[in-house]
Structure formats: structure tokens, C-alpha cells
Amino acid sequence: MPEWLEVVIRSLLLVVVLFLITKWLGKKQLSELSFFEYVVGITIGSIGAEVITGLERNMFNGIIGIVVFAAIPFLAGLLSLKSKGFRNFIEGKATVFIKDGKIMEDNLKKERYTTDELLELLRKKDVFKVADVEFAVLEPTGDLSVMLKKENQPLTPKDVNLTVASVKEPQTVIMDGEILDEPLSTIGRSRGWLKTELEKQGVTIENVFIGQVDSYGQLTIDLFDDKLQVPSPQEKPLILSTMKKCQADLESFALGTESKEAKQMYRLNSEKLQEAIDKVTPILKG
């Protein structure tokens, strides 16, 4: 057999073996590597390269070596689940870099990080002032977790006692110009409703690259032709506008009637409607 053909066969076989082993080890091997898993990954890669190009050596001995090294992190993972001490030794522990707004210089030196590197990690978290940080910790994976001081944290609806509706996963109902019936049925819509919504926006299904329906029932689309501008959905603004008009009509009726009972009724319902408008405005404008 020609050497080039043997290299091709070895390469294809090793790709299959490494793929199966990676699937067996799980997604963690692809995302959050510990020092131990990093070393094992490099070793497996080196063995694989040697097996592919070392034509004078037995190929299956190399595969055995790869399997053995793949089994090591698997067994280490099982032991880590049962022993915190072993887990800390293998995966490492988190290191506090900033506490109560104060940089822990000793911990920076311990992890061999410079101030510039710390600032770079903070910038990746959209933090540009150390004084804005309450707590920051370097995770075993090398990622920096940051908690801002209370006054620098983004305002949430809970902070202002505002109740908002839960947001559900958007459903893709059109893809590559084709209607997807299963997502449509999931949200309780029909093809007729979808075609009506497309007509409102002045497009046909064939021109839609992707179409999604959000948790409020609004259809947003992206066209094949990027030069065409699609009007934004108007359902939520229309609802808000209608509610405001009704509230204004109630105020007008209250001013126009001579009946005290009717005047009181109009004003009371106007106030209730205004309260509802205040609550749903953030949702309908979002």
C-alpha cells in the first residue's frame, strides 16, 4: 500500500475515533477545560498526530494510548463528584480579585496576573472603572465573574415593583421561504393568520428568509433581499394607542356630562384604565 494512502486511511480512522471519544467525554471538554483536561487534550492530539504520520509503528497501539488518556479525565470526573478536595486539586478553585471594591493585590500575584490583564478582563465584561465593582472572582476556567455595586447595577422591573409578563421562546414559522407548520401549531396560529400578517407588511412568503413570532404574537421577518426595508410590527403600538384613546374619551365624557353619577363613573374608570396603561406601557413599547 502506498504511504500516502496509508496516511489517508489512518487520518480518517483517527478522526472517527477522536470524534467518538469527544462525544463520550461530553461538552465540557469543548468549553470549560481544567488544567488537567487541557494537558490530556494536548497529549491525545500529540498521540493522534504520531499515529497518523508514524507509519513504521503499530496504529492500534496508538489508538489504545488515546483511549487510555481519554479514560483518565472520565474517571477523574467521577472522583470529583464524590470528593471536593480531589475536585479542588484537579479543577482548581476560584480566586477573588476584587472584594468590597478593593483589588486583592496578593491574589493577583498568586495567579500571575498583572493589573493591565485584570483591567482587560473587566473591559470584556463592559466594566471600565474598578470603583464600580463590588466583587470579582477568577473562575477555574479562567473567566472573570463580576458583580457591580448596587448603585451601578442595571435597573430591573423588580426594583420599581413593576410586574411584567413572562417572555416565551420565539417560534420560527418561516425558513428559506417555506412555512413550518409545527411551530405554527405550537403557538396556536394557522397558515391563514400567517399569510394575513405577511400581507400587512406587504411581502410574500417566497421573499422571506426567516420569520419568527414572539411571545406577544408579533411576526418579525428578514427578507432575502437585504436592500428592502420591512416595516416594524404595529400590533403593540396600536393596542397602546387604542387604550390611550379610550382613556381620553372617558375623561371627555366625564367633563361633558351633567349627571354626577355618570361623571363619577367615567372618572373612576378613566383612573383604572390609566393604571392599566402605566403597567403595560413598558411591555407595549419594548
Protein backbone atom coordinates (compact mmCIF):
# COMPACT_ATOMS: atom_id res chain seq x y z
CA MET A 1 0.00 0.00 0.00
CA PRO A 2 1.39 3.47 -0.87
CA GLU A 3 2.40 5.57 2.12
CA TRP A 4 0.12 8.45 1.13
CA LEU A 5 -2.89 6.10 1.06
CA GLU A 6 -1.99 4.66 4.46
CA VAL A 7 -1.78 8.21 5.89
CA VAL A 8 -5.25 8.96 4.46
CA ILE A 9 -6.72 5.77 5.99
CA ARG A 10 -5.07 6.43 9.36
CA SER A 11 -6.31 10.03 9.34
CA LEU A 12 -9.90 9.04 8.60
CA LEU A 13 -9.88 6.33 11.25
CA LEU A 14 -8.35 8.64 13.87
CA VAL A 15 -10.92 11.35 13.13
CA VAL A 16 -13.72 8.86 13.80
CA VAL A 17 -12.05 7.58 16.99
CA LEU A 18 -11.38 11.09 18.35
CA PHE A 19 -14.91 12.21 17.48
CA LEU A 20 -16.47 9.27 19.35
CA ILE A 21 -14.18 9.82 22.35
CA THR A 22 -15.01 13.54 22.48
CA LYS A 23 -18.74 12.75 22.33
CA TRP A 24 -18.24 10.28 25.18
CA LEU A 25 -16.38 12.78 27.36
CA GLY A 26 -19.12 15.39 26.93
CA LYS A 27 -19.43 19.08 26.06
CA LYS A 28 -17.28 20.23 28.96
CA GLN A 29 -14.21 19.10 27.03
CA LEU A 30 -15.10 21.68 24.38
CA SER A 31 -15.96 24.63 26.62
CA GLU A 32 -14.59 24.75 30.16
CA LEU A 33 -11.27 22.92 30.36
CA SER A 34 -9.47 22.45 33.64
CA PHE A 35 -5.66 22.32 33.73
CA PHE A 36 -5.88 18.55 33.88
CA GLU A 37 -8.24 18.27 30.89
CA TYR A 38 -6.10 20.73 28.94
CA VAL A 39 -3.00 18.54 29.42
CA VAL A 40 -4.94 15.42 28.47
CA GLY A 41 -6.28 17.11 25.33
CA ILE A 42 -2.80 18.13 24.20
CA THR A 43 -1.50 14.61 24.83
CA ILE A 44 -4.31 12.98 22.87
CA GLY A 45 -3.64 15.34 19.96
CA SER A 46 0.07 14.50 20.03
CA ILE A 47 -0.64 10.77 20.06
CA GLY A 48 -3.07 11.18 17.18
CA ALA A 49 -0.50 13.06 15.08
CA GLU A 50 2.14 10.44 15.83
CA VAL A 51 -0.22 7.59 14.89
CA ILE A 52 -1.10 9.24 11.58
CA THR A 53 2.47 10.01 10.46
CA GLY A 54 4.40 7.21 12.24
CA LEU A 55 3.93 4.66 9.51
CA GLU A 56 6.54 2.29 10.93
CA ARG A 57 4.61 1.91 14.22
CA ASN A 58 1.54 -0.14 15.04
CA MET A 59 -1.53 2.02 14.58
CA PHE A 60 -3.69 0.20 17.10
CA ASN A 61 -1.16 0.74 19.87
CA GLY A 62 -1.68 4.46 19.32
CA ILE A 63 -5.46 4.03 19.49
CA ILE A 64 -5.07 2.17 22.80
CA GLY A 65 -2.99 5.07 24.13
CA ILE A 66 -5.68 7.56 23.08
CA VAL A 67 -8.41 5.50 24.77
CA VAL A 68 -6.36 5.30 27.97
CA PHE A 69 -5.79 9.06 28.07
CA ALA A 70 -9.47 9.66 27.29
CA ALA A 71 -10.49 7.40 30.18
CA ILE A 72 -8.36 9.36 32.66
CA PRO A 73 -10.48 12.59 32.68
CA PHE A 74 -13.64 10.47 32.69
CA LEU A 75 -12.55 8.64 35.84
CA ALA A 76 -11.24 11.87 37.35
CA GLY A 77 -14.66 13.41 36.76
CA LEU A 78 -16.34 10.59 38.66
CA LEU A 79 -13.95 11.04 41.59
CA SER A 80 -14.51 14.81 41.53
CA LEU A 81 -18.23 14.29 42.03
CA LYS A 82 -17.55 12.38 45.26
CA SER A 83 -14.61 14.33 46.71
CA LYS A 84 -14.47 18.13 46.95
CA GLY A 85 -10.79 18.01 47.91
CA PHE A 86 -9.95 15.99 44.81
CA ARG A 87 -12.12 18.31 42.70
CA ASN A 88 -10.29 21.37 44.01
CA PHE A 89 -6.94 19.74 43.28
CA ILE A 90 -7.87 18.69 39.73
CA GLU A 91 -10.05 21.59 38.59
CA GLY A 92 -8.67 24.33 40.83
CA LYS A 93 -10.51 26.89 42.97
CA ALA A 94 -11.85 30.34 42.22
CA THR A 95 -9.64 33.28 43.23
CA VAL A 96 -11.04 36.58 44.47
CA PHE A 97 -9.55 39.53 42.58
CA ILE A 98 -11.80 42.33 43.87
CA LYS A 99 -13.66 42.35 47.19
CA ASP A 100 -15.78 45.20 48.54
CA GLY A 101 -14.45 47.36 45.69
CA LYS A 102 -10.79 46.72 46.67
CA ILE A 103 -8.30 44.93 44.41
CA MET A 104 -6.65 41.96 46.15
CA GLU A 105 -3.06 42.50 45.00
CA ASP A 106 -1.73 39.33 46.66
CA ASN A 107 -4.24 37.19 44.79
CA LEU A 108 -3.27 38.86 41.53
CA LYS A 109 0.38 37.96 42.15
CA LYS A 110 -0.59 34.43 43.16
CA GLU A 111 -2.35 33.85 39.84
CA ARG A 112 0.40 35.78 37.98
CA TYR A 113 -1.99 38.39 36.62
CA THR A 114 -0.95 41.98 36.01
CA THR A 115 -3.15 44.99 36.63
CA ASP A 116 -3.42 45.52 32.88
CA GLU A 117 -4.70 41.96 32.43
CA LEU A 118 -7.27 42.48 35.19
CA LEU A 119 -8.48 45.68 33.51
CA GLU A 120 -8.72 43.83 30.21
CA LEU A 121 -10.90 41.13 31.79
CA LEU A 122 -13.12 43.82 33.30
CA ARG A 123 -13.49 45.55 29.93
CA LYS A 124 -14.66 42.27 28.43
CA LYS A 125 -17.48 42.45 30.97
CA ASP A 126 -18.26 46.05 29.92
CA VAL A 127 -16.77 47.41 33.14
CA PHE A 128 -14.30 50.28 32.75
CA LYS A 129 -13.93 51.51 36.35
CA VAL A 130 -12.63 49.34 39.17
CA ALA A 131 -14.54 51.54 41.60
CA ASP A 132 -17.83 50.30 40.07
CA VAL A 133 -17.08 46.69 41.07
CA GLU A 134 -18.28 45.19 44.35
CA PHE A 135 -16.89 41.68 43.81
CA ALA A 136 -14.88 39.95 41.08
CA VAL A 137 -13.60 36.37 41.08
CA LEU A 138 -11.40 34.48 38.64
CA GLU A 139 -13.06 31.14 37.92
CA PRO A 140 -11.03 27.91 37.50
CA THR A 141 -11.80 28.12 33.75
CA GLY A 142 -10.01 31.49 33.50
CA ASP A 143 -13.20 33.53 33.13
CA LEU A 144 -13.79 36.55 35.37
CA SER A 145 -17.15 36.81 37.12
CA VAL A 146 -18.07 40.36 38.11
CA MET A 147 -20.75 41.76 40.42
CA LEU A 148 -21.24 45.51 40.22
CA LYS A 149 -22.04 47.70 43.20
CA LYS A 150 -25.75 48.04 43.81
CA GLU A 151 -25.90 51.62 42.55
CA ASN A 152 -24.18 50.61 39.30
CA GLN A 153 -26.36 47.61 38.51
CA PRO A 154 -28.97 47.96 35.74
CA LEU A 155 -32.47 48.86 36.90
CA THR A 156 -34.91 45.94 36.72
CA PRO A 157 -38.73 45.88 36.81
CA LYS A 158 -38.50 44.31 40.29
CA ASP A 159 -36.64 47.39 41.59
CA VAL A 160 -39.65 49.58 40.78
CA ASN A 161 -42.26 46.97 41.78
CA LEU A 162 -43.33 46.53 38.18
CA THR A 163 -44.90 43.25 37.14
CA VAL A 164 -44.04 42.19 33.60
CA ALA A 165 -45.28 39.29 31.55
CA SER A 166 -43.00 36.31 31.10
CA VAL A 167 -41.25 36.06 27.74
CA LYS A 168 -41.50 32.79 25.85
CA GLU A 169 -39.16 31.39 23.23
CA PRO A 170 -39.76 32.90 19.77
CA GLN A 171 -41.03 30.39 17.25
CA THR A 172 -39.53 30.26 13.75
CA VAL A 173 -42.53 29.85 11.44
CA ILE A 174 -40.85 30.62 8.09
CA MET A 175 -37.43 29.44 6.95
CA ASP A 176 -35.96 29.81 3.48
CA GLY A 177 -39.33 30.80 2.07
CA GLU A 178 -41.09 27.72 3.47
CA ILE A 179 -43.79 27.67 6.18
CA LEU A 180 -43.04 25.49 9.21
CA ASP A 181 -46.35 24.05 10.42
CA GLU A 182 -45.16 22.58 13.72
CA PRO A 183 -44.03 25.91 15.29
CA LEU A 184 -47.24 27.50 13.97
CA SER A 185 -49.38 24.92 15.75
CA THR A 186 -47.28 25.32 18.92
CA ILE A 187 -48.36 28.97 19.23
CA GLY A 188 -51.92 28.22 18.11
CA ARG A 189 -51.70 30.01 14.76
CA SER A 190 -52.74 28.96 11.26
CA ARG A 191 -51.34 29.44 7.78
CA GLY A 192 -54.18 31.83 7.10
CA TRP A 193 -53.13 34.05 10.02
CA LEU A 194 -49.53 33.98 8.82
CA LYS A 195 -50.46 35.00 5.28
CA THR A 196 -52.61 37.83 6.65
CA GLU A 197 -49.70 39.13 8.73
CA LEU A 198 -47.41 39.00 5.70
CA GLU A 199 -49.96 40.92 3.63
CA LYS A 200 -49.96 43.65 6.32
CA GLN A 201 -46.22 44.04 5.78
CA GLY A 202 -46.53 43.87 2.00
CA VAL A 203 -44.42 40.75 1.39
CA THR A 204 -44.96 37.21 0.14
CA ILE A 205 -43.77 34.02 1.78
CA GLU A 206 -41.36 33.31 -1.08
CA ASN A 207 -39.42 36.51 -0.28
CA VAL A 208 -38.97 35.72 3.42
CA PHE A 209 -35.64 34.26 4.51
CA ILE A 210 -36.74 33.78 8.11
CA GLY A 211 -39.87 34.71 10.05
CA GLN A 212 -40.38 34.49 13.81
CA VAL A 213 -43.33 35.04 16.14
CA ASP A 214 -42.55 36.38 19.61
CA SER A 215 -44.40 35.73 22.87
CA TYR A 216 -46.70 38.71 22.16
CA GLY A 217 -47.83 37.26 18.84
CA GLN A 218 -45.88 39.69 16.66
CA LEU A 219 -44.36 38.48 13.40
CA THR A 220 -40.89 39.74 12.54
CA ILE A 221 -39.29 38.83 9.23
CA ASP A 222 -35.98 39.02 7.41
CA LEU A 223 -36.08 39.09 3.60
CA PHE A 224 -33.74 37.51 1.08
CA ASP A 225 -33.21 40.97 -0.42
CA ASP A 226 -31.28 42.95 2.23
CA LYS A 227 -31.97 46.22 0.41
CA LEU A 228 -35.70 46.06 1.08
CA GLN A 229 -36.94 47.71 4.27
CA VAL A 230 -39.66 45.89 6.19
CA PRO A 231 -41.98 47.95 8.41
CA SER A 232 -41.83 47.05 12.09
CA PRO A 233 -44.84 45.26 13.63
CA GLN A 234 -47.56 47.68 14.71
CA GLU A 235 -49.74 45.46 16.94
CA LYS A 236 -48.36 46.60 20.29
CA PRO A 237 -48.20 50.34 19.43
CA LEU A 238 -51.76 50.07 18.10
CA ILE A 239 -53.01 48.49 21.33
CA LEU A 240 -51.33 51.19 23.41
CA SER A 241 -52.75 53.93 21.19
CA THR A 242 -56.26 52.46 21.46
CA MET A 243 -56.05 52.26 25.26
CA LYS A 244 -54.91 55.89 25.48
CA LYS A 245 -57.76 56.98 23.19
CA CYS A 246 -60.30 55.15 25.35
CA GLN A 247 -58.90 56.80 28.48
CA ALA A 248 -59.10 60.22 26.83
CA ASP A 249 -62.71 59.52 25.77
CA LEU A 250 -63.65 58.65 29.34
CA GLU A 251 -62.12 61.93 30.53
CA SER A 252 -64.06 63.78 27.84
CA PHE A 253 -67.33 62.07 28.80
CA ALA A 254 -66.75 62.98 32.45
CA LEU A 255 -66.36 66.64 31.53
CA GLY A 256 -69.29 66.65 29.12
CA THR A 257 -71.99 65.08 31.27
CA GLU A 258 -74.13 66.91 33.82
CA SER A 259 -75.00 63.76 35.78
CA LYS A 260 -72.94 63.43 38.94
CA GLU A 261 -73.28 59.64 38.93
CA ALA A 262 -72.16 59.38 35.31
CA LYS A 263 -69.33 61.87 35.90
CA GLN A 264 -68.07 59.81 38.86
CA MET A 265 -68.35 56.58 36.89
CA TYR A 266 -66.40 57.98 33.91
CA ARG A 267 -63.65 59.38 36.12
CA LEU A 268 -63.33 56.18 38.15
CA ASN A 269 -62.98 54.03 35.03
CA SER A 270 -60.62 56.56 33.49
CA GLU A 271 -58.33 56.26 36.52
CA LYS A 272 -58.45 52.44 36.39
CA LEU A 273 -57.64 52.47 32.68
CA GLN A 274 -54.75 54.88 33.29
CA GLU A 275 -53.33 52.49 35.90
CA ALA A 276 -53.52 49.67 33.35
CA ILE A 277 -51.82 51.85 30.74
CA ASP A 278 -48.98 52.64 33.15
CA LYS A 279 -48.42 48.94 33.79
CA VAL A 280 -48.45 47.76 30.17
CA THR A 281 -46.60 50.71 28.60
CA PRO A 282 -43.10 49.20 29.21
CA ILE A 283 -44.29 45.96 27.59
CA LEU A 284 -46.05 47.53 24.61
CA LYS A 285 -43.17 49.90 23.94
CA GLY A 286 -40.50 47.18 24.30
